[in-house]
Amino acid sequence: MKLQDARRDQYRRLAHEQGYRSRAAYKLKELNKSYRIIGPGFYVLDLGCAPGGWTQMAVRLAGNRGKVVGVDTSYVEEVPGAHIMRRDIAEEGLADMVISYFGRKANAVVCDLSPKVSGNWSVDHARQISLNYDCAKIMGAVLARRGNAVFKVFDGQYSAEFRDYVREQFSKFHSTKPKASRKQSSELYYVCLGYVGPD
């Protein structure tokens, strides 16, 4: 068995043992350990949250004083401690709904979303980056000053443009790949800290 396969199985097994819906939960855990994106008492918006692994981890990281909202077009089974909205991220008024639920702006916005993969890499990459722009638009409406954000990116011809677009809105920026990611996967994570808003 290749090392990356063994690692993937390890995270899948851990997720099953610890009650997480996907091994992706460990990507957020690892990113948070390195960059402290979510702290106790944080209000967190998880965009593209199905099946709920990141939402579960966000609830754990934010603790009982925090609040977590997960948004996805797919049905997501209830996550204890989180509020799930079955909505499209491009929907008008979504940001208002989120702020209305929180009662104030969010401290962190996390996006681990993918399009329904077609198998045509250039199409899938373009659609995934387009979804990230939709997420960034919501983030601009709901994220508090000095808040944090994470975007999963399919790395390709449009990712540098998106990187530059989000990087200028934060005081610190990191591009990283967690150990829980598959080695052969093209995914990267843009970790954005200290929201200052668009220029």
N, C-alpha and C. Protein backbone atom coordinates (compact mmCIF):
# COMPACT_ATOMS: atom_id res chain seq x y z
N MET A 1 0.85 -1.21 0.00
CA MET A 1 0.00 0.00 0.00
C MET A 1 0.88 1.25 0.00
N LYS A 2 0.57 2.18 -0.88
CA LYS A 2 1.34 3.42 -0.93
C LYS A 2 1.11 4.23 0.34
N LEU A 3 2.10 5.05 0.66
CA LEU A 3 2.01 5.87 1.88
C LEU A 3 0.76 6.75 1.89
N GLN A 4 0.46 7.39 0.74
CA GLN A 4 -0.70 8.29 0.74
C GLN A 4 -2.02 7.53 0.90
N ASP A 5 -2.08 6.30 0.36
CA ASP A 5 -3.28 5.47 0.54
C ASP A 5 -3.44 5.10 2.01
N ALA A 6 -2.31 4.74 2.63
CA ALA A 6 -2.34 4.38 4.05
C ALA A 6 -2.80 5.57 4.88
N ARG A 7 -2.29 6.74 4.52
CA ARG A 7 -2.67 7.96 5.26
C ARG A 7 -4.15 8.25 5.08
N ARG A 8 -4.63 8.08 3.85
CA ARG A 8 -6.05 8.33 3.57
C ARG A 8 -6.92 7.39 4.40
N ASP A 9 -6.54 6.13 4.43
CA ASP A 9 -7.28 5.15 5.23
C ASP A 9 -7.24 5.50 6.71
N GLN A 10 -6.09 6.00 7.14
CA GLN A 10 -5.95 6.38 8.55
C GLN A 10 -6.94 7.49 8.91
N TYR A 11 -7.05 8.50 8.07
CA TYR A 11 -7.97 9.61 8.37
C TYR A 11 -9.43 9.16 8.25
N ARG A 12 -9.68 8.27 7.30
CA ARG A 12 -11.05 7.77 7.16
C ARG A 12 -11.46 6.97 8.40
N ARG A 13 -10.52 6.15 8.87
CA ARG A 13 -10.78 5.34 10.07
C ARG A 13 -10.98 6.23 11.29
N LEU A 14 -10.09 7.24 11.42
CA LEU A 14 -10.21 8.19 12.53
C LEU A 14 -11.57 8.88 12.52
N ALA A 15 -12.00 9.32 11.35
CA ALA A 15 -13.29 10.01 11.22
C ALA A 15 -14.41 9.10 11.69
N HIS A 16 -14.35 7.83 11.28
CA HIS A 16 -15.37 6.87 11.69
C HIS A 16 -15.36 6.68 13.20
N GLU A 17 -14.16 6.51 13.76
CA GLU A 17 -14.03 6.26 15.21
C GLU A 17 -14.47 7.46 16.04
N GLN A 18 -14.17 8.67 15.54
CA GLN A 18 -14.43 9.87 16.33
C GLN A 18 -15.76 10.55 15.96
N GLY A 19 -16.52 9.93 15.06
CA GLY A 19 -17.86 10.41 14.77
C GLY A 19 -17.94 11.57 13.80
N TYR A 20 -16.89 11.79 13.00
CA TYR A 20 -16.94 12.83 11.98
C TYR A 20 -17.46 12.25 10.68
N ARG A 21 -18.17 13.08 9.93
CA ARG A 21 -18.82 12.58 8.71
C ARG A 21 -17.88 12.40 7.54
N SER A 22 -16.73 13.02 7.60
CA SER A 22 -15.76 12.85 6.52
C SER A 22 -14.37 13.11 7.07
N ARG A 23 -13.39 12.52 6.39
CA ARG A 23 -12.02 12.74 6.84
C ARG A 23 -11.58 14.18 6.61
N ALA A 24 -12.38 14.93 5.80
CA ALA A 24 -12.08 16.35 5.57
C ALA A 24 -12.04 17.14 6.87
N ALA A 25 -12.75 16.66 7.89
CA ALA A 25 -12.74 17.34 9.20
C ALA A 25 -11.31 17.54 9.70
N TYR A 26 -10.44 16.58 9.39
CA TYR A 26 -9.06 16.67 9.88
C TYR A 26 -8.23 17.71 9.12
N LYS A 27 -8.68 18.05 7.92
CA LYS A 27 -8.00 19.14 7.20
C LYS A 27 -8.21 20.45 7.96
N LEU A 28 -9.46 20.69 8.38
CA LEU A 28 -9.74 21.93 9.12
C LEU A 28 -9.04 21.90 10.48
N LYS A 29 -9.03 20.74 11.12
CA LYS A 29 -8.35 20.63 12.42
C LYS A 29 -6.87 20.99 12.28
N GLU A 30 -6.24 20.43 11.25
CA GLU A 30 -4.82 20.68 11.01
C GLU A 30 -4.55 22.14 10.65
N LEU A 31 -5.38 22.70 9.76
CA LEU A 31 -5.23 24.11 9.39
C LEU A 31 -5.40 25.01 10.61
N ASN A 32 -6.36 24.65 11.46
CA ASN A 32 -6.63 25.48 12.63
C ASN A 32 -5.48 25.42 13.64
N LYS A 33 -4.87 24.24 13.74
CA LYS A 33 -3.74 24.09 14.66
C LYS A 33 -2.58 24.98 14.21
N SER A 34 -2.38 25.06 12.89
CA SER A 34 -1.27 25.87 12.35
C SER A 34 -1.56 27.36 12.36
N TYR A 35 -2.82 27.73 12.11
CA TYR A 35 -3.11 29.15 11.85
C TYR A 35 -4.16 29.78 12.76
N ARG A 36 -4.78 29.00 13.63
CA ARG A 36 -5.82 29.49 14.54
C ARG A 36 -6.87 30.35 13.82
N ILE A 37 -7.55 29.69 12.90
CA ILE A 37 -8.59 30.35 12.11
C ILE A 37 -9.86 30.54 12.94
N ILE A 38 -10.16 29.52 13.75
CA ILE A 38 -11.37 29.51 14.60
C ILE A 38 -10.94 29.38 16.05
N GLY A 39 -11.42 30.29 16.87
CA GLY A 39 -11.14 30.23 18.30
C GLY A 39 -12.42 30.04 19.10
N PRO A 40 -12.30 29.78 20.41
CA PRO A 40 -13.48 29.63 21.26
C PRO A 40 -14.37 30.87 21.20
N GLY A 41 -15.67 30.65 21.07
CA GLY A 41 -16.62 31.75 21.02
C GLY A 41 -16.79 32.37 19.64
N PHE A 42 -16.10 31.84 18.63
CA PHE A 42 -16.21 32.38 17.28
C PHE A 42 -17.57 32.07 16.65
N TYR A 43 -18.02 32.99 15.82
CA TYR A 43 -19.19 32.75 14.97
C TYR A 43 -18.64 32.38 13.59
N VAL A 44 -19.02 31.19 13.12
CA VAL A 44 -18.38 30.61 11.94
C VAL A 44 -19.42 30.29 10.87
N LEU A 45 -19.13 30.69 9.64
CA LEU A 45 -19.97 30.35 8.49
C LEU A 45 -19.21 29.33 7.64
N ASP A 46 -19.84 28.16 7.41
CA ASP A 46 -19.26 27.10 6.60
C ASP A 46 -20.04 27.01 5.29
N LEU A 47 -19.40 27.44 4.19
CA LEU A 47 -20.08 27.46 2.89
C LEU A 47 -19.75 26.21 2.09
N GLY A 48 -20.78 25.56 1.56
CA GLY A 48 -20.58 24.28 0.87
C GLY A 48 -20.28 23.20 1.88
N CYS A 49 -21.13 23.07 2.89
CA CYS A 49 -20.79 22.30 4.09
C CYS A 49 -21.03 20.80 4.01
N ALA A 50 -21.77 20.32 2.98
CA ALA A 50 -22.08 18.88 2.93
C ALA A 50 -20.78 18.06 2.81
N PRO A 51 -20.70 16.92 3.48
CA PRO A 51 -21.71 16.25 4.32
C PRO A 51 -21.74 16.72 5.77
N GLY A 52 -20.86 17.68 6.12
CA GLY A 52 -20.92 18.24 7.47
C GLY A 52 -19.68 18.04 8.32
N GLY A 53 -18.63 17.47 7.76
CA GLY A 53 -17.40 17.24 8.53
C GLY A 53 -16.76 18.51 9.04
N TRP A 54 -16.67 19.54 8.16
CA TRP A 54 -16.10 20.82 8.61
C TRP A 54 -17.02 21.51 9.60
N THR A 55 -18.32 21.37 9.40
CA THR A 55 -19.28 21.99 10.34
C THR A 55 -19.10 21.38 11.73
N GLN A 56 -18.98 20.05 11.77
CA GLN A 56 -18.76 19.37 13.06
C GLN A 56 -17.49 19.88 13.74
N MET A 57 -16.41 19.99 12.96
CA MET A 57 -15.14 20.45 13.53
C MET A 57 -15.25 21.91 13.97
N ALA A 58 -15.95 22.73 13.19
CA ALA A 58 -16.12 24.14 13.55
C ALA A 58 -16.87 24.28 14.88
N VAL A 59 -17.90 23.43 15.07
CA VAL A 59 -18.66 23.44 16.33
C VAL A 59 -17.72 23.13 17.50
N ARG A 60 -16.89 22.13 17.29
CA ARG A 60 -15.96 21.73 18.34
C ARG A 60 -14.95 22.85 18.65
N LEU A 61 -14.43 23.48 17.61
CA LEU A 61 -13.42 24.53 17.80
C LEU A 61 -14.01 25.80 18.40
N ALA A 62 -15.24 26.14 18.01
CA ALA A 62 -15.87 27.37 18.51
C ALA A 62 -16.42 27.21 19.93
N GLY A 63 -16.69 25.96 20.30
CA GLY A 63 -17.16 25.69 21.67
C GLY A 63 -18.59 26.17 21.90
N ASN A 64 -19.04 26.03 23.14
CA ASN A 64 -20.45 26.31 23.43
C ASN A 64 -20.80 27.79 23.43
N ARG A 65 -19.81 28.68 23.40
CA ARG A 65 -20.10 30.12 23.30
C ARG A 65 -20.10 30.58 21.85
N GLY A 66 -19.68 29.71 20.95
CA GLY A 66 -19.66 30.05 19.53
C GLY A 66 -20.98 29.71 18.85
N LYS A 67 -21.07 30.10 17.58
CA LYS A 67 -22.24 29.74 16.76
C LYS A 67 -21.71 29.33 15.39
N VAL A 68 -22.33 28.31 14.80
CA VAL A 68 -21.89 27.83 13.48
C VAL A 68 -23.10 27.71 12.56
N VAL A 69 -22.97 28.25 11.36
CA VAL A 69 -23.98 28.08 10.31
C VAL A 69 -23.32 27.34 9.15
N GLY A 70 -23.99 26.29 8.67
CA GLY A 70 -23.53 25.57 7.49
C GLY A 70 -24.52 25.79 6.35
N VAL A 71 -24.00 26.02 5.14
CA VAL A 71 -24.85 26.26 3.97
C VAL A 71 -24.47 25.28 2.86
N ASP A 72 -25.48 24.65 2.27
CA ASP A 72 -25.23 23.80 1.10
C ASP A 72 -26.53 23.62 0.33
N THR A 73 -26.40 23.36 -0.98
CA THR A 73 -27.59 23.07 -1.78
C THR A 73 -28.08 21.65 -1.52
N SER A 74 -27.16 20.77 -1.09
CA SER A 74 -27.53 19.38 -0.79
C SER A 74 -28.15 19.29 0.60
N TYR A 75 -28.92 18.22 0.80
CA TYR A 75 -29.44 17.95 2.14
C TYR A 75 -28.28 17.58 3.06
N VAL A 76 -28.22 18.17 4.22
CA VAL A 76 -27.19 17.85 5.21
C VAL A 76 -27.91 17.44 6.49
N GLU A 77 -27.59 16.25 6.95
CA GLU A 77 -28.19 15.78 8.20
C GLU A 77 -27.81 16.74 9.32
N GLU A 78 -28.73 16.95 10.23
CA GLU A 78 -28.53 17.91 11.32
C GLU A 78 -27.19 17.69 12.02
N VAL A 79 -26.50 18.78 12.31
CA VAL A 79 -25.23 18.74 13.05
C VAL A 79 -25.49 19.36 14.42
N PRO A 80 -25.35 18.59 15.49
CA PRO A 80 -25.59 19.16 16.83
C PRO A 80 -24.72 20.39 17.06
N GLY A 81 -25.36 21.46 17.50
CA GLY A 81 -24.63 22.69 17.79
C GLY A 81 -24.50 23.63 16.61
N ALA A 82 -25.02 23.23 15.43
CA ALA A 82 -24.94 24.09 14.24
C ALA A 82 -26.32 24.31 13.64
N HIS A 83 -26.44 25.37 12.88
CA HIS A 83 -27.67 25.69 12.16
C HIS A 83 -27.39 25.47 10.68
N ILE A 84 -28.13 24.57 10.04
CA ILE A 84 -27.91 24.25 8.64
C ILE A 84 -28.95 24.95 7.77
N MET A 85 -28.48 25.61 6.72
CA MET A 85 -29.37 26.25 5.74
C MET A 85 -29.21 25.53 4.40
N ARG A 86 -30.31 25.06 3.85
CA ARG A 86 -30.24 24.44 2.51
C ARG A 86 -30.48 25.54 1.48
N ARG A 87 -29.40 26.14 1.05
CA ARG A 87 -29.46 27.30 0.17
C ARG A 87 -28.33 27.24 -0.84
N ASP A 88 -28.50 28.01 -1.91
CA ASP A 88 -27.45 28.17 -2.91
C ASP A 88 -26.59 29.36 -2.51
N ILE A 89 -25.27 29.22 -2.60
CA ILE A 89 -24.40 30.32 -2.17
C ILE A 89 -24.52 31.55 -3.07
N ALA A 90 -25.07 31.37 -4.27
CA ALA A 90 -25.26 32.52 -5.17
C ALA A 90 -26.59 33.24 -4.93
N GLU A 91 -27.37 32.72 -3.99
CA GLU A 91 -28.72 33.26 -3.75
C GLU A 91 -28.68 34.66 -3.15
N GLU A 92 -29.47 35.53 -3.71
CA GLU A 92 -29.59 36.89 -3.15
C GLU A 92 -30.17 36.80 -1.74
N GLY A 93 -29.63 37.58 -0.86
CA GLY A 93 -30.20 37.62 0.49
C GLY A 93 -29.60 36.61 1.45
N LEU A 94 -28.73 35.71 0.98
CA LEU A 94 -28.15 34.71 1.88
C LEU A 94 -27.33 35.36 3.00
N ALA A 95 -26.52 36.34 2.63
CA ALA A 95 -25.70 37.03 3.64
C ALA A 95 -26.57 37.63 4.73
N ASP A 96 -27.70 38.24 4.34
CA ASP A 96 -28.62 38.83 5.32
C ASP A 96 -29.18 37.77 6.26
N MET A 97 -29.51 36.59 5.69
CA MET A 97 -30.03 35.49 6.53
C MET A 97 -29.00 35.05 7.57
N VAL A 98 -27.76 34.97 7.12
CA VAL A 98 -26.68 34.54 8.03
C VAL A 98 -26.50 35.54 9.15
N ILE A 99 -26.43 36.82 8.80
CA ILE A 99 -26.23 37.85 9.83
C ILE A 99 -27.43 37.91 10.77
N SER A 100 -28.61 37.71 10.20
CA SER A 100 -29.82 37.70 11.03
C SER A 100 -29.77 36.57 12.06
N TYR A 101 -29.29 35.40 11.63
CA TYR A 101 -29.19 34.27 12.58
C TYR A 101 -28.13 34.56 13.65
N PHE A 102 -26.96 35.04 13.21
CA PHE A 102 -25.88 35.30 14.16
C PHE A 102 -26.20 36.48 15.08
N GLY A 103 -26.91 37.47 14.54
CA GLY A 103 -27.14 38.70 15.30
C GLY A 103 -25.98 39.68 15.20
N ARG A 104 -24.96 39.31 14.50
CA ARG A 104 -23.79 40.17 14.25
C ARG A 104 -22.96 39.53 13.16
N LYS A 105 -21.82 40.12 12.84
CA LYS A 105 -20.98 39.56 11.79
C LYS A 105 -20.19 38.34 12.29
N ALA A 106 -19.74 37.53 11.33
CA ALA A 106 -19.00 36.30 11.65
C ALA A 106 -17.53 36.60 11.91
N ASN A 107 -16.89 35.72 12.68
CA ASN A 107 -15.45 35.81 12.94
C ASN A 107 -14.63 34.99 11.94
N ALA A 108 -15.29 34.01 11.32
CA ALA A 108 -14.57 33.17 10.36
C ALA A 108 -15.54 32.64 9.30
N VAL A 109 -15.05 32.57 8.08
CA VAL A 109 -15.80 31.96 6.96
C VAL A 109 -14.91 30.86 6.38
N VAL A 110 -15.44 29.64 6.32
CA VAL A 110 -14.64 28.53 5.80
C VAL A 110 -15.36 27.90 4.60
N CYS A 111 -14.60 27.58 3.57
CA CYS A 111 -15.19 27.09 2.31
C CYS A 111 -14.37 25.89 1.83
N ASP A 112 -14.98 24.72 1.88
CA ASP A 112 -14.30 23.50 1.43
C ASP A 112 -15.09 22.91 0.28
N LEU A 113 -15.61 23.76 -0.59
CA LEU A 113 -16.58 23.24 -1.56
C LEU A 113 -15.96 22.85 -2.89
N SER A 114 -16.66 21.94 -3.54
CA SER A 114 -16.30 21.48 -4.88
C SER A 114 -17.55 21.46 -5.74
N PRO A 115 -17.40 21.68 -7.04
CA PRO A 115 -18.55 21.48 -7.92
C PRO A 115 -18.79 19.99 -8.10
N LYS A 116 -19.92 19.62 -8.68
CA LYS A 116 -20.09 18.22 -9.08
C LYS A 116 -19.07 17.97 -10.20
N VAL A 117 -18.12 17.11 -9.91
CA VAL A 117 -16.99 16.94 -10.82
C VAL A 117 -17.42 16.22 -12.09
N SER A 118 -17.04 16.83 -13.24
CA SER A 118 -17.45 16.27 -14.55
C SER A 118 -16.39 15.32 -15.11
N GLY A 119 -15.17 15.45 -14.59
CA GLY A 119 -14.08 14.66 -15.16
C GLY A 119 -13.27 15.46 -16.17
N ASN A 120 -13.81 16.59 -16.62
CA ASN A 120 -13.07 17.48 -17.50
C ASN A 120 -12.37 18.51 -16.61
N TRP A 121 -11.04 18.34 -16.47
CA TRP A 121 -10.31 19.10 -15.46
C TRP A 121 -10.47 20.61 -15.64
N SER A 122 -10.31 21.13 -16.86
CA SER A 122 -10.34 22.58 -17.04
C SER A 122 -11.71 23.15 -16.70
N VAL A 123 -12.78 22.40 -17.02
CA VAL A 123 -14.14 22.83 -16.68
C VAL A 123 -14.33 22.81 -15.16
N ASP A 124 -13.91 21.71 -14.53
CA ASP A 124 -14.08 21.57 -13.07
C ASP A 124 -13.30 22.65 -12.33
N HIS A 125 -12.08 22.92 -12.79
CA HIS A 125 -11.25 23.95 -12.16
C HIS A 125 -11.93 25.32 -12.27
N ALA A 126 -12.40 25.66 -13.47
CA ALA A 126 -13.04 26.96 -13.69
C ALA A 126 -14.30 27.10 -12.83
N ARG A 127 -15.09 26.03 -12.73
CA ARG A 127 -16.31 26.08 -11.92
C ARG A 127 -16.00 26.21 -10.44
N GLN A 128 -14.96 25.51 -10.00
CA GLN A 128 -14.60 25.56 -8.58
C GLN A 128 -14.12 26.96 -8.19
N ILE A 129 -13.32 27.58 -9.06
CA ILE A 129 -12.86 28.95 -8.77
C ILE A 129 -14.05 29.93 -8.81
N SER A 130 -14.97 29.72 -9.72
CA SER A 130 -16.17 30.56 -9.78
C SER A 130 -16.97 30.47 -8.48
N LEU A 131 -17.10 29.25 -7.94
CA LEU A 131 -17.79 29.08 -6.65
C LEU A 131 -17.06 29.84 -5.54
N ASN A 132 -15.73 29.84 -5.60
CA ASN A 132 -14.97 30.57 -4.59
C ASN A 132 -15.23 32.07 -4.67
N TYR A 133 -15.40 32.60 -5.88
CA TYR A 133 -15.75 34.03 -5.99
C TYR A 133 -17.12 34.29 -5.35
N ASP A 134 -18.07 33.36 -5.54
CA ASP A 134 -19.38 33.50 -4.87
C ASP A 134 -19.21 33.52 -3.35
N CYS A 135 -18.34 32.63 -2.85
CA CYS A 135 -18.08 32.57 -1.40
C CYS A 135 -17.43 33.87 -0.92
N ALA A 136 -16.49 34.38 -1.71
CA ALA A 136 -15.79 35.61 -1.32
C ALA A 136 -16.76 36.80 -1.27
N LYS A 137 -17.75 36.77 -2.16
CA LYS A 137 -18.76 37.84 -2.16
C LYS A 137 -19.57 37.80 -0.85
N ILE A 138 -19.98 36.60 -0.46
CA ILE A 138 -20.71 36.45 0.82
C ILE A 138 -19.81 36.85 1.98
N MET A 139 -18.56 36.36 1.93
CA MET A 139 -17.61 36.70 2.98
C MET A 139 -17.51 38.21 3.17
N GLY A 140 -17.45 38.95 2.06
CA GLY A 140 -17.34 40.40 2.13
C GLY A 140 -18.51 41.06 2.85
N ALA A 141 -19.66 40.38 2.81
CA ALA A 141 -20.86 40.93 3.46
C ALA A 141 -21.00 40.50 4.92
N VAL A 142 -20.43 39.34 5.28
CA VAL A 142 -20.71 38.80 6.63
C VAL A 142 -19.50 38.79 7.57
N LEU A 143 -18.28 38.95 7.05
CA LEU A 143 -17.10 38.79 7.91
C LEU A 143 -16.75 40.08 8.63
N ALA A 144 -16.54 39.97 9.93
CA ALA A 144 -16.15 41.12 10.75
C ALA A 144 -14.71 41.52 10.46
N ARG A 145 -14.39 42.75 10.73
CA ARG A 145 -13.00 43.22 10.63
C ARG A 145 -12.11 42.32 11.48
N ARG A 146 -10.93 42.02 10.96
CA ARG A 146 -9.94 41.15 11.60
C ARG A 146 -10.38 39.68 11.64
N GLY A 147 -11.48 39.37 10.96
CA GLY A 147 -11.92 37.98 10.87
C GLY A 147 -11.02 37.17 9.94
N ASN A 148 -11.25 35.85 9.92
CA ASN A 148 -10.41 34.93 9.15
C ASN A 148 -11.25 34.16 8.12
N ALA A 149 -10.57 33.65 7.10
CA ALA A 149 -11.27 32.84 6.10
C ALA A 149 -10.34 31.76 5.54
N VAL A 150 -10.96 30.68 5.06
CA VAL A 150 -10.22 29.61 4.37
C VAL A 150 -10.99 29.25 3.11
N PHE A 151 -10.27 29.10 2.02
CA PHE A 151 -10.86 28.67 0.75
C PHE A 151 -10.11 27.47 0.22
N LYS A 152 -10.83 26.40 -0.09
CA LYS A 152 -10.21 25.32 -0.85
C LYS A 152 -10.18 25.74 -2.31
N VAL A 153 -9.05 25.47 -2.98
CA VAL A 153 -8.88 25.86 -4.37
C VAL A 153 -8.36 24.67 -5.17
N PHE A 154 -8.99 24.41 -6.31
CA PHE A 154 -8.41 23.48 -7.28
C PHE A 154 -7.33 24.27 -8.00
N ASP A 155 -6.08 23.93 -7.77
CA ASP A 155 -4.98 24.72 -8.30
C ASP A 155 -4.88 24.59 -9.82
N GLY A 156 -4.86 25.72 -10.51
CA GLY A 156 -4.82 25.70 -11.97
C GLY A 156 -4.69 27.11 -12.52
N GLN A 157 -5.09 27.30 -13.76
CA GLN A 157 -4.81 28.57 -14.44
C GLN A 157 -5.50 29.79 -13.83
N TYR A 158 -6.63 29.59 -13.13
CA TYR A 158 -7.35 30.74 -12.57
C TYR A 158 -7.07 30.96 -11.08
N SER A 159 -6.30 30.06 -10.46
CA SER A 159 -6.16 30.16 -9.00
C SER A 159 -5.30 31.36 -8.57
N ALA A 160 -4.30 31.73 -9.38
CA ALA A 160 -3.45 32.87 -8.99
C ALA A 160 -4.26 34.17 -8.97
N GLU A 161 -5.16 34.30 -9.93
CA GLU A 161 -6.01 35.51 -9.97
C GLU A 161 -6.91 35.57 -8.73
N PHE A 162 -7.49 34.42 -8.36
CA PHE A 162 -8.32 34.39 -7.16
C PHE A 162 -7.48 34.65 -5.91
N ARG A 163 -6.28 34.06 -5.88
CA ARG A 163 -5.37 34.27 -4.74
C ARG A 163 -5.11 35.76 -4.54
N ASP A 164 -4.78 36.46 -5.64
CA ASP A 164 -4.49 37.90 -5.53
C ASP A 164 -5.73 38.69 -5.08
N TYR A 165 -6.89 38.25 -5.55
CA TYR A 165 -8.15 38.91 -5.20
C TYR A 165 -8.43 38.83 -3.69
N VAL A 166 -8.24 37.64 -3.11
CA VAL A 166 -8.54 37.53 -1.67
C VAL A 166 -7.39 38.03 -0.81
N ARG A 167 -6.16 37.84 -1.29
CA ARG A 167 -5.00 38.19 -0.46
C ARG A 167 -5.00 39.67 -0.09
N GLU A 168 -5.41 40.53 -1.01
CA GLU A 168 -5.36 41.97 -0.72
C GLU A 168 -6.41 42.40 0.29
N GLN A 169 -7.32 41.48 0.64
CA GLN A 169 -8.37 41.83 1.62
C GLN A 169 -8.01 41.41 3.05
N PHE A 170 -6.82 40.84 3.22
CA PHE A 170 -6.40 40.33 4.54
C PHE A 170 -4.99 40.80 4.86
N SER A 171 -4.71 40.88 6.17
CA SER A 171 -3.36 41.32 6.55
C SER A 171 -2.35 40.18 6.44
N LYS A 172 -2.80 38.92 6.52
CA LYS A 172 -1.88 37.78 6.36
C LYS A 172 -2.52 36.74 5.45
N PHE A 173 -1.65 36.09 4.66
CA PHE A 173 -2.15 35.10 3.69
C PHE A 173 -1.17 33.94 3.62
N HIS A 174 -1.71 32.71 3.60
CA HIS A 174 -0.88 31.51 3.45
C HIS A 174 -1.54 30.57 2.45
N SER A 175 -0.73 29.97 1.59
CA SER A 175 -1.20 28.91 0.70
C SER A 175 -0.59 27.61 1.20
N THR A 176 -1.43 26.61 1.47
CA THR A 176 -0.93 25.41 2.13
C THR A 176 -1.71 24.17 1.70
N LYS A 177 -1.15 23.02 2.00
CA LYS A 177 -1.83 21.75 1.71
C LYS A 177 -1.71 20.87 2.95
N PRO A 178 -2.82 20.60 3.62
CA PRO A 178 -2.75 19.79 4.85
C PRO A 178 -2.35 18.34 4.55
N LYS A 179 -1.81 17.67 5.56
CA LYS A 179 -1.44 16.26 5.42
C LYS A 179 -2.65 15.39 5.09
N ALA A 180 -3.82 15.81 5.58
CA ALA A 180 -5.04 15.01 5.34
C ALA A 180 -5.53 15.10 3.90
N SER A 181 -4.95 16.01 3.10
CA SER A 181 -5.28 16.06 1.67
C SER A 181 -4.57 14.91 0.95
N ARG A 182 -5.20 14.40 -0.08
CA ARG A 182 -4.53 13.39 -0.90
C ARG A 182 -3.37 14.04 -1.63
N LYS A 183 -2.25 13.34 -1.64
CA LYS A 183 -1.03 13.90 -2.22
C LYS A 183 -1.21 14.25 -3.70
N GLN A 184 -1.91 13.36 -4.43
CA GLN A 184 -2.07 13.58 -5.88
C GLN A 184 -3.17 14.60 -6.20
N SER A 185 -3.92 15.00 -5.17
CA SER A 185 -5.01 15.96 -5.39
C SER A 185 -4.43 17.34 -5.71
N SER A 186 -5.15 18.09 -6.55
CA SER A 186 -4.69 19.44 -6.93
C SER A 186 -5.13 20.48 -5.92
N GLU A 187 -5.81 20.04 -4.84
CA GLU A 187 -6.38 21.05 -3.94
C GLU A 187 -5.31 21.73 -3.09
N LEU A 188 -5.50 23.02 -2.93
CA LEU A 188 -4.72 23.84 -2.01
C LEU A 188 -5.71 24.56 -1.10
N TYR A 189 -5.21 25.07 0.00
CA TYR A 189 -6.06 25.88 0.88
C TYR A 189 -5.43 27.25 1.04
N TYR A 190 -6.24 28.27 0.77
CA TYR A 190 -5.82 29.65 0.99
C TYR A 190 -6.32 30.05 2.38
N VAL A 191 -5.38 30.29 3.28
CA VAL A 191 -5.71 30.68 4.65
C VAL A 191 -5.51 32.19 4.75
N CYS A 192 -6.58 32.89 5.07
CA CYS A 192 -6.60 34.36 5.05
C CYS A 192 -6.89 34.86 6.47
N LEU A 193 -5.99 35.64 7.02
CA LEU A 193 -6.12 36.07 8.43
C LEU A 193 -6.14 37.58 8.54
N GLY A 194 -7.03 38.08 9.39
CA GLY A 194 -7.09 39.52 9.65
C GLY A 194 -7.75 40.31 8.52
N TYR A 195 -9.06 40.14 8.40
CA TYR A 195 -9.80 40.79 7.31
C TYR A 195 -9.73 42.31 7.43
N VAL A 196 -9.34 42.95 6.32
CA VAL A 196 -9.30 44.42 6.31
C VAL A 196 -10.28 44.99 5.29
N GLY A 197 -10.89 44.10 4.47
CA GLY A 197 -11.86 44.54 3.48
C GLY A 197 -11.18 44.87 2.16
N PRO A 198 -11.99 45.01 1.10
CA PRO A 198 -11.42 45.34 -0.21
C PRO A 198 -10.83 46.74 -0.22
N ASP A 199 -9.83 46.94 -1.07
CA ASP A 199 -9.22 48.28 -1.18
C ASP A 199 -10.23 49.29 -1.69
